[in-house]
């Protein structure tokens, strides 16, 4: 749930999305990093659940909030950087389940994809 408060202290719901399922529990996602991952001039937040290794990006696209999953489950460190030198930020994660070690994920205009 994403809430905002007005000048009177009243809260309004901005976004609600279920993260967990019965087969994929998300226990306690924390904000792990922030940066403009979607190249729209607004800061995006990367949420990471250390118990499951799943990560999500909280972003605002054209005034609408979205919570987008990052591919793969990773138990290691997480950072935002321009790893490949193309001028765009990537989410770099270590300890990924289906990969040997580190993966780099970048926004392609619709979703986050793993870079080669």
PDB file of N, CA and C in Angstrom:
ATOM      1  N   UNK A   1       0.825  -1.162   0.000  1.00  0.00           N
ATOM      2  CA  UNK A   1       0.000   0.000   0.000  1.00  0.00           C
ATOM      3  C   UNK A   1       0.881   1.240   0.000  1.00  0.00           C
ATOM      4  N   UNK A   2       0.503   2.223  -0.787  1.00  0.00           N
ATOM      5  CA  UNK A   2       1.205   3.497  -0.833  1.00  0.00           C
ATOM      6  C   UNK A   2       0.202   4.576  -0.477  1.00  0.00           C
ATOM      7  N   UNK A   3       0.493   5.307   0.601  1.00  0.00           N
ATOM      8  CA  UNK A   3      -0.424   6.331   1.108  1.00  0.00           C
ATOM      9  C   UNK A   3       0.216   7.700   1.027  1.00  0.00           C
ATOM     10  N   UNK A   4      -0.614   8.719   0.974  1.00  0.00           N
ATOM     11  CA  UNK A   4      -0.164  10.100   1.073  1.00  0.00           C
ATOM     12  C   UNK A   4      -1.070  10.817   2.059  1.00  0.00           C
ATOM     13  N   UNK A   5      -0.546  11.834   2.706  1.00  0.00           N
ATOM     14  CA  UNK A   5      -1.370  12.592   3.651  1.00  0.00           C
ATOM     15  C   UNK A   5      -1.564  14.008   3.143  1.00  0.00           C
ATOM     16  N   UNK A   6      -2.705  14.594   3.499  1.00  0.00           N
ATOM     17  CA  UNK A   6      -2.975  15.987   3.125  1.00  0.00           C
ATOM     18  C   UNK A   6      -2.614  16.896   4.288  1.00  0.00           C
ATOM     19  N   UNK A   7      -2.891  18.184   4.145  1.00  0.00           N
ATOM     20  CA  UNK A   7      -2.539  19.165   5.174  1.00  0.00           C
ATOM     21  C   UNK A   7      -3.294  18.955   6.485  1.00  0.00           C
ATOM     22  N   UNK A   8      -4.402  18.213   6.467  1.00  0.00           N
ATOM     23  CA  UNK A   8      -5.180  17.926   7.677  1.00  0.00           C
ATOM     24  C   UNK A   8      -4.785  16.608   8.329  1.00  0.00           C
ATOM     25  N   UNK A   9      -3.792  15.921   7.784  1.00  0.00           N
ATOM     26  CA  UNK A   9      -3.361  14.647   8.339  1.00  0.00           C
ATOM     27  C   UNK A   9      -4.208  13.470   7.897  1.00  0.00           C
ATOM     28  N   UNK A  10      -5.090  13.669   6.926  1.00  0.00           N
ATOM     29  CA  UNK A  10      -5.914  12.588   6.392  1.00  0.00           C
ATOM     30  C   UNK A  10      -5.127  11.845   5.316  1.00  0.00           C
ATOM     31  N   UNK A  11      -5.222  10.529   5.333  1.00  0.00           N
ATOM     32  CA  UNK A  11      -4.482   9.720   4.375  1.00  0.00           C
ATOM     33  C   UNK A  11      -5.359   9.301   3.208  1.00  0.00           C
ATOM     34  N   UNK A  12      -4.746   9.254   2.027  1.00  0.00           N
ATOM     35  CA  UNK A  12      -5.402   8.782   0.813  1.00  0.00           C
ATOM     36  C   UNK A  12      -4.556   7.666   0.212  1.00  0.00           C
ATOM     37  N   UNK A  13      -5.229   6.681  -0.340  1.00  0.00           N
ATOM     38  CA  UNK A  13      -4.554   5.560  -0.981  1.00  0.00           C
ATOM     39  C   UNK A  13      -4.107   5.968  -2.381  1.00  0.00           C
ATOM     40  N   UNK A  14      -2.788   5.844  -2.641  1.00  0.00           N
ATOM     41  CA  UNK A  14      -2.260   6.134  -3.975  1.00  0.00           C
ATOM     42  C   UNK A  14      -2.118   4.872  -4.824  1.00  0.00           C
ATOM     43  N   UNK A  15      -1.750   3.772  -4.173  1.00  0.00           N
ATOM     44  CA  UNK A  15      -1.519   2.531  -4.921  1.00  0.00           C
ATOM     45  C   UNK A  15      -1.634   1.347  -3.974  1.00  0.00           C
ATOM     46  N   UNK A  16      -2.271   0.288  -4.440  1.00  0.00           N
ATOM     47  CA  UNK A  16      -2.363  -0.956  -3.667  1.00  0.00           C
ATOM     48  C   UNK A  16      -2.106  -2.121  -4.607  1.00  0.00           C
ATOM     49  N   UNK A  17      -1.179  -2.980  -4.208  1.00  0.00           N
ATOM     50  CA  UNK A  17      -0.848  -4.137  -5.027  1.00  0.00           C
ATOM     51  C   UNK A  17      -0.338  -5.242  -4.110  1.00  0.00           C
ATOM     52  N   UNK A  18      -0.841  -6.428  -4.289  1.00  0.00           N
ATOM     53  CA  UNK A  18      -0.406  -7.569  -3.503  1.00  0.00           C
ATOM     54  C   UNK A  18       0.926  -8.076  -4.048  1.00  0.00           C
ATOM     55  N   UNK A  19       1.894  -8.265  -3.147  1.00  0.00           N
ATOM     56  CA  UNK A  19       3.206  -8.769  -3.556  1.00  0.00           C
ATOM     57  C   UNK A  19       3.300 -10.282  -3.441  1.00  0.00           C
ATOM     58  N   UNK A  20       2.741 -10.820  -2.374  1.00  0.00           N
ATOM     59  CA  UNK A  20       2.915 -12.233  -2.066  1.00  0.00           C
ATOM     60  C   UNK A  20       1.767 -13.079  -2.595  1.00  0.00           C
ATOM     61  N   UNK A  21       2.072 -14.339  -2.805  1.00  0.00           N
ATOM     62  CA  UNK A  21       1.065 -15.360  -3.101  1.00  0.00           C
ATOM     63  C   UNK A  21       1.289 -16.499  -2.109  1.00  0.00           C
ATOM     64  N   UNK A  22       0.404 -17.459  -2.101  1.00  0.00           N
ATOM     65  CA  UNK A  22       0.594 -18.610  -1.199  1.00  0.00           C
ATOM     66  C   UNK A  22       1.882 -19.360  -1.505  1.00  0.00           C
ATOM     67  N   UNK A  23       2.236 -19.451  -2.770  1.00  0.00           N
ATOM     68  CA  UNK A  23       3.437 -20.188  -3.149  1.00  0.00           C
ATOM     69  C   UNK A  23       4.698 -19.325  -3.132  1.00  0.00           C
ATOM     70  N   UNK A  24       4.530 -18.004  -3.066  1.00  0.00           N
ATOM     71  CA  UNK A  24       5.680 -17.097  -3.079  1.00  0.00           C
ATOM     72  C   UNK A  24       5.484 -16.009  -2.020  1.00  0.00           C
ATOM     73  N   UNK A  25       5.801 -16.309  -0.753  1.00  0.00           N
ATOM     74  CA  UNK A  25       5.607 -15.309   0.298  1.00  0.00           C
ATOM     75  C   UNK A  25       6.644 -14.190   0.226  1.00  0.00           C
ATOM     76  N   UNK A  26       6.185 -12.982   0.416  1.00  0.00           N
ATOM     77  CA  UNK A  26       7.051 -11.811   0.545  1.00  0.00           C
ATOM     78  C   UNK A  26       6.825 -11.315   1.967  1.00  0.00           C
ATOM     79  N   UNK A  27       7.822 -11.497   2.827  1.00  0.00           N
ATOM     80  CA  UNK A  27       7.623 -11.252   4.247  1.00  0.00           C
ATOM     81  C   UNK A  27       7.782  -9.791   4.653  1.00  0.00           C
ATOM     82  N   UNK A  28       8.902  -9.163   4.269  1.00  0.00           N
ATOM     83  CA  UNK A  28       9.139  -7.799   4.698  1.00  0.00           C
ATOM     84  C   UNK A  28      10.019  -7.070   3.681  1.00  0.00           C
ATOM     85  N   UNK A  29       9.431  -6.510   2.653  1.00  0.00           N
ATOM     86  CA  UNK A  29      10.255  -5.786   1.681  1.00  0.00           C
ATOM     87  C   UNK A  29      10.753  -4.465   2.271  1.00  0.00           C
ATOM     88  N   UNK A  30      12.015  -4.178   2.047  1.00  0.00           N
ATOM     89  CA  UNK A  30      12.641  -2.933   2.484  1.00  0.00           C
ATOM     90  C   UNK A  30      13.095  -2.151   1.263  1.00  0.00           C
ATOM     91  N   UNK A  31      13.228  -0.836   1.414  1.00  0.00           N
ATOM     92  CA  UNK A  31      13.797  -0.023   0.344  1.00  0.00           C
ATOM     93  C   UNK A  31      15.300  -0.265   0.350  1.00  0.00           C
ATOM     94  N   UNK A  32      15.809  -0.815  -0.748  1.00  0.00           N
ATOM     95  CA  UNK A  32      17.219  -1.181  -0.845  1.00  0.00           C
ATOM     96  C   UNK A  32      18.050  -0.119  -1.553  1.00  0.00           C
ATOM     97  N   UNK A  33      17.450   0.601  -2.497  1.00  0.00           N
ATOM     98  CA  UNK A  33      18.176   1.605  -3.275  1.00  0.00           C
ATOM     99  C   UNK A  33      17.166   2.477  -4.012  1.00  0.00           C
ATOM    100  N   UNK A  34      17.641   3.608  -4.503  1.00  0.00           N
ATOM    101  CA  UNK A  34      16.774   4.514  -5.263  1.00  0.00           C
ATOM    102  C   UNK A  34      17.575   5.211  -6.355  1.00  0.00           C
ATOM    103  N   UNK A  35      16.899   5.482  -7.464  1.00  0.00           N
ATOM    104  CA  UNK A  35      17.508   6.168  -8.597  1.00  0.00           C
ATOM    105  C   UNK A  35      16.501   6.228  -9.732  1.00  0.00           C
ATOM    106  N   UNK A  36      16.797   7.014 -10.756  1.00  0.00           N
ATOM    107  CA  UNK A  36      15.891   7.139 -11.900  1.00  0.00           C
ATOM    108  C   UNK A  36      16.123   5.984 -12.867  1.00  0.00           C
ATOM    109  N   UNK A  37      15.529   4.847 -12.560  1.00  0.00           N
ATOM    110  CA  UNK A  37      15.715   3.642 -13.366  1.00  0.00           C
ATOM    111  C   UNK A  37      14.906   3.644 -14.651  1.00  0.00           C
ATOM    112  N   UNK A  38      13.792   4.366 -14.681  1.00  0.00           N
ATOM    113  CA  UNK A  38      12.908   4.363 -15.851  1.00  0.00           C
ATOM    114  C   UNK A  38      13.126   5.584 -16.752  1.00  0.00           C
ATOM    115  N   UNK A  39      14.175   6.333 -16.501  1.00  0.00           N
ATOM    116  CA  UNK A  39      14.587   7.472 -17.342  1.00  0.00           C
ATOM    117  C   UNK A  39      13.473   8.488 -17.594  1.00  0.00           C
ATOM    118  N   UNK A  40      12.654   8.756 -16.562  1.00  0.00           N
ATOM    119  CA  UNK A  40      11.591   9.753 -16.719  1.00  0.00           C
ATOM    120  C   UNK A  40      11.796  10.977 -15.833  1.00  0.00           C
ATOM    121  N   UNK A  41      12.971  11.098 -15.221  1.00  0.00           N
ATOM    122  CA  UNK A  41      13.276  12.245 -14.382  1.00  0.00           C
ATOM    123  C   UNK A  41      12.768  12.123 -12.954  1.00  0.00           C
ATOM    124  N   UNK A  42      12.142  11.004 -12.601  1.00  0.00           N
ATOM    125  CA  UNK A  42      11.625  10.780 -11.251  1.00  0.00           C
ATOM    126  C   UNK A  42      12.390   9.628 -10.592  1.00  0.00           C
ATOM    127  N   UNK A  43      12.582   9.740  -9.294  1.00  0.00           N
ATOM    128  CA  UNK A  43      13.297   8.701  -8.561  1.00  0.00           C
ATOM    129  C   UNK A  43      12.414   7.479  -8.364  1.00  0.00           C
ATOM    130  N   UNK A  44      12.943   6.318  -8.678  1.00  0.00           N
ATOM    131  CA  UNK A  44      12.287   5.037  -8.464  1.00  0.00           C
ATOM    132  C   UNK A  44      12.927   4.374  -7.250  1.00  0.00           C
ATOM    133  N   UNK A  45      12.165   3.572  -6.521  1.00  0.00           N
ATOM    134  CA  UNK A  45      12.679   2.871  -5.347  1.00  0.00           C
ATOM    135  C   UNK A  45      12.704   1.378  -5.616  1.00  0.00           C
ATOM    136  N   UNK A  46      13.817   0.729  -5.278  1.00  0.00           N
ATOM    137  CA  UNK A  46      13.930  -0.722  -5.385  1.00  0.00           C
ATOM    138  C   UNK A  46      13.612  -1.316  -4.021  1.00  0.00           C
ATOM    139  N   UNK A  47      12.595  -2.175  -3.982  1.00  0.00           N
ATOM    140  CA  UNK A  47      12.223  -2.891  -2.763  1.00  0.00           C
ATOM    141  C   UNK A  47      12.793  -4.292  -2.848  1.00  0.00           C
ATOM    142  N   UNK A  48      13.336  -4.789  -1.740  1.00  0.00           N
ATOM    143  CA  UNK A  48      13.941  -6.118  -1.719  1.00  0.00           C
ATOM    144  C   UNK A  48      13.518  -6.843  -0.458  1.00  0.00           C
ATOM    145  N   UNK A  49      13.074  -8.083  -0.619  1.00  0.00           N
ATOM    146  CA  UNK A  49      12.710  -8.941   0.500  1.00  0.00           C
ATOM    147  C   UNK A  49      13.852  -9.925   0.715  1.00  0.00           C
ATOM    148  N   UNK A  50      14.609  -9.753   1.801  1.00  0.00           N
ATOM    149  CA  UNK A  50      15.792 -10.597   1.998  1.00  0.00           C
ATOM    150  C   UNK A  50      15.451 -12.060   2.257  1.00  0.00           C
ATOM    151  N   UNK A  51      14.265 -12.356   2.771  1.00  0.00           N
ATOM    152  CA  UNK A  51      13.871 -13.749   3.023  1.00  0.00           C
ATOM    153  C   UNK A  51      13.674 -14.528   1.720  1.00  0.00           C
ATOM    154  N   UNK A  52      13.034 -13.909   0.730  1.00  0.00           N
ATOM    155  CA  UNK A  52      12.752 -14.597  -0.533  1.00  0.00           C
ATOM    156  C   UNK A  52      13.751 -14.255  -1.638  1.00  0.00           C
ATOM    157  N   UNK A  53      14.418 -13.109  -1.514  1.00  0.00           N
ATOM    158  CA  UNK A  53      15.334 -12.658  -2.555  1.00  0.00           C
ATOM    159  C   UNK A  53      14.649 -11.931  -3.694  1.00  0.00           C
ATOM    160  N   UNK A  54      13.330 -11.743  -3.618  1.00  0.00           N
ATOM    161  CA  UNK A  54      12.598 -11.069  -4.693  1.00  0.00           C
ATOM    162  C   UNK A  54      12.705  -9.553  -4.561  1.00  0.00           C
ATOM    163  N   UNK A  55      12.799  -8.883  -5.710  1.00  0.00           N
ATOM    164  CA  UNK A  55      12.918  -7.430  -5.763  1.00  0.00           C
ATOM    165  C   UNK A  55      11.844  -6.847  -6.665  1.00  0.00           C
ATOM    166  N   UNK A  56      11.456  -5.612  -6.358  1.00  0.00           N
ATOM    167  CA  UNK A  56      10.436  -4.880  -7.108  1.00  0.00           C
ATOM    168  C   UNK A  56      10.889  -3.439  -7.248  1.00  0.00           C
ATOM    169  N   UNK A  57      10.429  -2.774  -8.299  1.00  0.00           N
ATOM    170  CA  UNK A  57      10.701  -1.347  -8.474  1.00  0.00           C
ATOM    171  C   UNK A  57       9.386  -0.595  -8.357  1.00  0.00           C
ATOM    172  N   UNK A  58       9.349   0.356  -7.421  1.00  0.00           N
ATOM    173  CA  UNK A  58       8.205   1.253  -7.274  1.00  0.00           C
ATOM    174  C   UNK A  58       8.502   2.477  -8.125  1.00  0.00           C
ATOM    175  N   UNK A  59       7.658   2.709  -9.128  1.00  0.00           N
ATOM    176  CA  UNK A  59       7.889   3.786 -10.084  1.00  0.00           C
ATOM    177  C   UNK A  59       6.596   4.531 -10.358  1.00  0.00           C
ATOM    178  N   UNK A  60       6.726   5.723 -10.875  1.00  0.00           N
ATOM    179  CA  UNK A  60       5.572   6.507 -11.313  1.00  0.00           C
ATOM    180  C   UNK A  60       5.744   6.795 -12.797  1.00  0.00           C
ATOM    181  N   UNK A  61       4.820   6.287 -13.579  1.00  0.00           N
ATOM    182  CA  UNK A  61       4.835   6.495 -15.028  1.00  0.00           C
ATOM    183  C   UNK A  61       3.580   7.264 -15.415  1.00  0.00           C
ATOM    184  N   UNK A  62       3.755   8.463 -15.942  1.00  0.00           N
ATOM    185  CA  UNK A  62       2.643   9.303 -16.392  1.00  0.00           C
ATOM    186  C   UNK A  62       1.596   9.498 -15.298  1.00  0.00           C
ATOM    187  N   UNK A  63       2.074   9.702 -14.045  1.00  0.00           N
ATOM    188  CA  UNK A  63       1.181   9.990 -12.933  1.00  0.00           C
ATOM    189  C   UNK A  63       0.557   8.780 -12.275  1.00  0.00           C
ATOM    190  N   UNK A  64       0.890   7.579 -12.731  1.00  0.00           N
ATOM    191  CA  UNK A  64       0.344   6.351 -12.163  1.00  0.00           C
ATOM    192  C   UNK A  64       1.470   5.546 -11.523  1.00  0.00           C
ATOM    193  N   UNK A  65       1.270   5.138 -10.265  1.00  0.00           N
ATOM    194  CA  UNK A  65       2.263   4.327  -9.581  1.00  0.00           C
ATOM    195  C   UNK A  65       2.160   2.882 -10.034  1.00  0.00           C
ATOM    196  N   UNK A  66       3.323   2.241 -10.144  1.00  0.00           N
ATOM    197  CA  UNK A  66       3.398   0.824 -10.500  1.00  0.00           C
ATOM    198  C   UNK A  66       4.455   0.162  -9.644  1.00  0.00           C
ATOM    199  N   UNK A  67       4.218  -1.086  -9.329  1.00  0.00           N
ATOM    200  CA  UNK A  67       5.190  -1.905  -8.626  1.00  0.00           C
ATOM    201  C   UNK A  67       5.564  -3.038  -9.571  1.00  0.00           C
ATOM    202  N   UNK A  68       6.765  -2.972 -10.114  1.00  0.00           N
ATOM    203  CA  UNK A  68       7.189  -3.896 -11.159  1.00  0.00           C
ATOM    204  C   UNK A  68       8.207  -4.887 -10.624  1.00  0.00           C
ATOM    205  N   UNK A  69       8.011  -6.178 -10.870  1.00  0.00           N
ATOM    206  CA  UNK A  69       8.973  -7.166 -10.379  1.00  0.00           C
ATOM    207  C   UNK A  69      10.257  -7.150 -11.200  1.00  0.00           C
ATOM    208  N   UNK A  70      11.369  -7.407 -10.531  1.00  0.00           N
ATOM    209  CA  UNK A  70      12.632  -7.634 -11.226  1.00  0.00           C
ATOM    210  C   UNK A  70      12.760  -9.135 -11.457  1.00  0.00           C
ATOM    211  N   UNK A  71      13.273  -9.547 -12.624  1.00  0.00           N
ATOM    212  CA  UNK A  71      13.411 -10.977 -12.892  1.00  0.00           C
ATOM    213  C   UNK A  71      14.455 -11.616 -11.978  1.00  0.00           C
ATOM    214  N   UNK A  72      14.258 -12.866 -11.659  1.00  0.00           N
ATOM    215  CA  UNK A  72      15.158 -13.689 -10.851  1.00  0.00           C
ATOM    216  C   UNK A  72      15.070 -13.360  -9.361  1.00  0.00           C
ATOM    217  N   UNK A  73      15.400 -14.323  -8.561  1.00  0.00           N
ATOM    218  CA  UNK A  73      15.487 -14.187  -7.109  1.00  0.00           C
ATOM    219  C   UNK A  73      16.961 -14.153  -6.741  1.00  0.00           C
ATOM    220  N   UNK A  74      17.372 -13.124  -5.971  1.00  0.00           N
ATOM    221  CA  UNK A  74      18.785 -12.943  -5.642  1.00  0.00           C
ATOM    222  C   UNK A  74      18.954 -12.708  -4.145  1.00  0.00           C
ATOM    223  N   UNK A  75      19.899 -13.389  -3.542  1.00  0.00           N
ATOM    224  CA  UNK A  75      20.121 -13.292  -2.098  1.00  0.00           C
ATOM    225  C   UNK A  75      21.323 -12.438  -1.726  1.00  0.00           C
ATOM    226  N   UNK A  76      22.094 -11.969  -2.682  1.00  0.00           N
ATOM    227  CA  UNK A  76      23.304 -11.201  -2.384  1.00  0.00           C
ATOM    228  C   UNK A  76      23.051  -9.710  -2.342  1.00  0.00           C
ATOM    229  N   UNK A  77      24.095  -8.949  -2.585  1.00  0.00           N
ATOM    230  CA  UNK A  77      24.010  -7.494  -2.524  1.00  0.00           C
ATOM    231  C   UNK A  77      23.251  -6.927  -3.723  1.00  0.00           C
ATOM    232  N   UNK A  78      22.829  -5.674  -3.590  1.00  0.00           N
ATOM    233  CA  UNK A  78      22.056  -4.979  -4.615  1.00  0.00           C
ATOM    234  C   UNK A  78      22.583  -3.554  -4.713  1.00  0.00           C
ATOM    235  N   UNK A  79      22.746  -3.045  -5.930  1.00  0.00           N
ATOM    236  CA  UNK A  79      23.198  -1.667  -6.137  1.00  0.00           C
ATOM    237  C   UNK A  79      22.591  -1.120  -7.423  1.00  0.00           C
ATOM    238  N   UNK A  80      22.495   0.192  -7.504  1.00  0.00           N
ATOM    239  CA  UNK A  80      22.080   0.873  -8.727  1.00  0.00           C
ATOM    240  C   UNK A  80      23.308   1.587  -9.273  1.00  0.00           C
ATOM    241  N   UNK A  81      23.638   1.300 -10.540  1.00  0.00           N
ATOM    242  CA  UNK A  81      24.805   1.920 -11.165  1.00  0.00           C
ATOM    243  C   UNK A  81      24.712   1.756 -12.676  1.00  0.00           C
ATOM    244  N   UNK A  82      25.558   2.494 -13.379  1.00  0.00           N
ATOM    245  CA  UNK A  82      25.680   2.327 -14.825  1.00  0.00           C
ATOM    246  C   UNK A  82      26.845   1.373 -15.068  1.00  0.00           C
ATOM    247  N   UNK A  83      26.567   0.099 -14.957  1.00  0.00           N
ATOM    248  CA  UNK A  83      27.611  -0.922 -15.036  1.00  0.00           C
ATOM    249  C   UNK A  83      28.187  -1.071 -16.443  1.00  0.00           C
ATOM    250  N   UNK A  84      27.342  -0.930 -17.475  1.00  0.00           N
ATOM    251  CA  UNK A  84      27.806  -1.157 -18.847  1.00  0.00           C
ATOM    252  C   UNK A  84      28.223   0.120 -19.577  1.00  0.00           C
ATOM    253  N   UNK A  85      28.152   1.278 -18.915  1.00  0.00           N
ATOM    254  CA  UNK A  85      28.641   2.522 -19.496  1.00  0.00           C
ATOM    255  C   UNK A  85      27.775   3.118 -20.581  1.00  0.00           C
ATOM    256  N   UNK A  86      26.489   2.752 -20.662  1.00  0.00           N
ATOM    257  CA  UNK A  86      25.615   3.293 -21.702  1.00  0.00           C
ATOM    258  C   UNK A  86      24.896   4.572 -21.279  1.00  0.00           C
ATOM    259  N   UNK A  87      25.163   5.064 -20.068  1.00  0.00           N
ATOM    260  CA  UNK A  87      24.523   6.284 -19.589  1.00  0.00           C
ATOM    261  C   UNK A  87      23.193   6.049 -18.890  1.00  0.00           C
ATOM    262  N   UNK A  88      22.736   4.806 -18.806  1.00  0.00           N
ATOM    263  CA  UNK A  88      21.480   4.455 -18.151  1.00  0.00           C
ATOM    264  C   UNK A  88      21.765   3.596 -16.925  1.00  0.00           C
ATOM    265  N   UNK A  89      20.970   3.786 -15.881  1.00  0.00           N
ATOM    266  CA  UNK A  89      21.171   3.028 -14.655  1.00  0.00           C
ATOM    267  C   UNK A  89      20.637   1.609 -14.765  1.00  0.00           C
ATOM    268  N   UNK A  90      21.337   0.680 -14.122  1.00  0.00           N
ATOM    269  CA  UNK A  90      20.897  -0.697 -14.015  1.00  0.00           C
ATOM    270  C   UNK A  90      20.786  -1.064 -12.539  1.00  0.00           C
ATOM    271  N   UNK A  91      19.962  -2.080 -12.263  1.00  0.00           N
ATOM    272  CA  UNK A  91      19.942  -2.689 -10.933  1.00  0.00           C
ATOM    273  C   UNK A  91      20.853  -3.905 -11.029  1.00  0.00           C
ATOM    274  N   UNK A  92      21.910  -3.903 -10.224  1.00  0.00           N
ATOM    275  CA  UNK A  92      22.898  -4.976 -10.246  1.00  0.00           C
ATOM    276  C   UNK A  92      22.732  -5.779  -8.959  1.00  0.00           C
ATOM    277  N   UNK A  93      22.547  -7.100  -9.108  1.00  0.00           N
ATOM    278  CA  UNK A  93      22.326  -7.966  -7.947  1.00  0.00           C
ATOM    279  C   UNK A  93      23.248  -9.173  -7.993  1.00  0.00           C
ATOM    280  N   UNK A  94      23.662  -9.604  -6.807  1.00  0.00           N
ATOM    281  CA  UNK A  94      24.516 -10.782  -6.658  1.00  0.00           C
ATOM    282  C   UNK A  94      23.742 -11.913  -5.999  1.00  0.00           C
ATOM    283  N   UNK A  95      24.268 -13.125  -6.123  1.00  0.00           N
ATOM    284  CA  UNK A  95      23.670 -14.289  -5.459  1.00  0.00           C
ATOM    285  C   UNK A  95      22.342 -14.706  -6.053  1.00  0.00           C
ATOM    286  N   UNK A  96      22.229 -14.661  -7.365  1.00  0.00           N
ATOM    287  CA  UNK A  96      20.962 -14.968  -8.031  1.00  0.00           C
ATOM    288  C   UNK A  96      20.803 -16.471  -8.236  1.00  0.00           C
ATOM    289  N   UNK A  97      19.580 -16.960  -8.061  1.00  0.00           N
ATOM    290  CA  UNK A  97      19.287 -18.390  -8.033  1.00  0.00           C
ATOM    291  C   UNK A  97      19.595 -19.078  -9.357  1.00  0.00           C
ATOM    292  N   UNK A  98      19.076 -18.556 -10.463  1.00  0.00           N
ATOM    293  CA  UNK A  98      19.195 -19.241 -11.754  1.00  0.00           C
ATOM    294  C   UNK A  98      20.374 -18.753 -12.596  1.00  0.00           C
ATOM    295  N   UNK A  99      21.257 -17.988 -11.998  1.00  0.00           N
ATOM    296  CA  UNK A  99      22.417 -17.448 -12.714  1.00  0.00           C
ATOM    297  C   UNK A  99      23.667 -17.723 -11.892  1.00  0.00           C
ATOM    298  N   UNK A 100      24.794 -17.695 -12.514  1.00  0.00           N
ATOM    299  CA  UNK A 100      26.045 -17.818 -11.768  1.00  0.00           C
ATOM    300  C   UNK A 100      26.476 -16.449 -11.282  1.00  0.00           C
ATOM    301  N   UNK A 101      26.043 -16.103 -10.082  1.00  0.00           N
ATOM    302  CA  UNK A 101      26.505 -14.860  -9.479  1.00  0.00           C
ATOM    303  C   UNK A 101      25.683 -13.652  -9.827  1.00  0.00           C
ATOM    304  N   UNK A 102      26.269 -12.674 -10.494  1.00  0.00           N
ATOM    305  CA  UNK A 102      25.725 -11.336 -10.685  1.00  0.00           C
ATOM    306  C   UNK A 102      24.869 -11.217 -11.943  1.00  0.00           C
ATOM    307  N   UNK A 103      23.749 -10.482 -11.808  1.00  0.00           N
ATOM    308  CA  UNK A 103      22.962 -10.106 -12.984  1.00  0.00           C
ATOM    309  C   UNK A 103      22.718  -8.606 -12.959  1.00  0.00           C
ATOM    310  N   UNK A 104      22.565  -8.054 -14.126  1.00  0.00           N
ATOM    311  CA  UNK A 104      22.289  -6.637 -14.302  1.00  0.00           C
ATOM    312  C   UNK A 104      20.953  -6.512 -15.035  1.00  0.00           C
ATOM    313  N   UNK A 105      20.060  -5.684 -14.495  1.00  0.00           N
ATOM    314  CA  UNK A 105      18.712  -5.542 -15.034  1.00  0.00           C
ATOM    315  C   UNK A 105      18.477  -4.089 -15.416  1.00  0.00           C
ATOM    316  N   UNK A 106      17.880  -3.848 -16.591  1.00  0.00           N
ATOM    317  CA  UNK A 106      17.654  -2.479 -17.063  1.00  0.00           C
ATOM    318  C   UNK A 106      16.241  -2.322 -17.620  1.00  0.00           C
ATOM    319  N   UNK A 107      15.692  -1.121 -17.499  1.00  0.00           N
ATOM    320  CA  UNK A 107      14.381  -0.766 -18.025  1.00  0.00           C
ATOM    321  C   UNK A 107      14.448  -0.711 -19.544  1.00  0.00           C
ATOM    322  N   UNK A 108      13.493  -1.370 -20.221  1.00  0.00           N
ATOM    323  CA  UNK A 108      13.479  -1.358 -21.685  1.00  0.00           C
ATOM    324  C   UNK A 108      12.321  -0.525 -22.251  1.00  0.00           C
ATOM    325  N   UNK A 109      11.647   0.246 -21.380  1.00  0.00           N
ATOM    326  CA  UNK A 109      10.510   1.057 -21.810  1.00  0.00           C
ATOM    327  C   UNK A 109       9.186   0.471 -21.402  1.00  0.00           C
ATOM    328  N   UNK A 110       9.152  -0.821 -21.073  1.00  0.00           N
ATOM    329  CA  UNK A 110       7.913  -1.499 -20.635  1.00  0.00           C
ATOM    330  C   UNK A 110       8.124  -2.343 -19.388  1.00  0.00           C
ATOM    331  N   UNK A 111       9.327  -2.912 -19.232  1.00  0.00           N
ATOM    332  CA  UNK A 111       9.606  -3.793 -18.109  1.00  0.00           C
ATOM    333  C   UNK A 111      11.112  -3.804 -17.851  1.00  0.00           C
ATOM    334  N   UNK A 112      11.513  -4.509 -16.803  1.00  0.00           N
ATOM    335  CA  UNK A 112      12.941  -4.674 -16.505  1.00  0.00           C
ATOM    336  C   UNK A 112      13.393  -6.007 -17.057  1.00  0.00           C
ATOM    337  N   UNK A 113      14.495  -5.972 -17.814  1.00  0.00           N
ATOM    338  CA  UNK A 113      15.026  -7.181 -18.447  1.00  0.00           C
ATOM    339  C   UNK A 113      16.481  -7.372 -18.053  1.00  0.00           C
ATOM    340  N   UNK A 114      16.915  -8.620 -18.069  1.00  0.00           N
ATOM    341  CA  UNK A 114      18.294  -8.960 -17.737  1.00  0.00           C
ATOM    342  C   UNK A 114      19.173  -8.661 -18.949  1.00  0.00           C
ATOM    343  N   UNK A 115      20.274  -7.946 -18.695  1.00  0.00           N
ATOM    344  CA  UNK A 115      21.217  -7.630 -19.756  1.00  0.00           C
ATOM    345  C   UNK A 115      22.173  -8.802 -19.961  1.00  0.00           C
ATOM    346  N   UNK A 116      22.643  -8.973 -21.197  1.00  0.00           N
ATOM    347  CA  UNK A 116      23.590 -10.069 -21.458  1.00  0.00           C
ATOM    348  C   UNK A 116      24.939  -9.815 -20.779  1.00  0.00           C
TER     349      UNK A 116
END
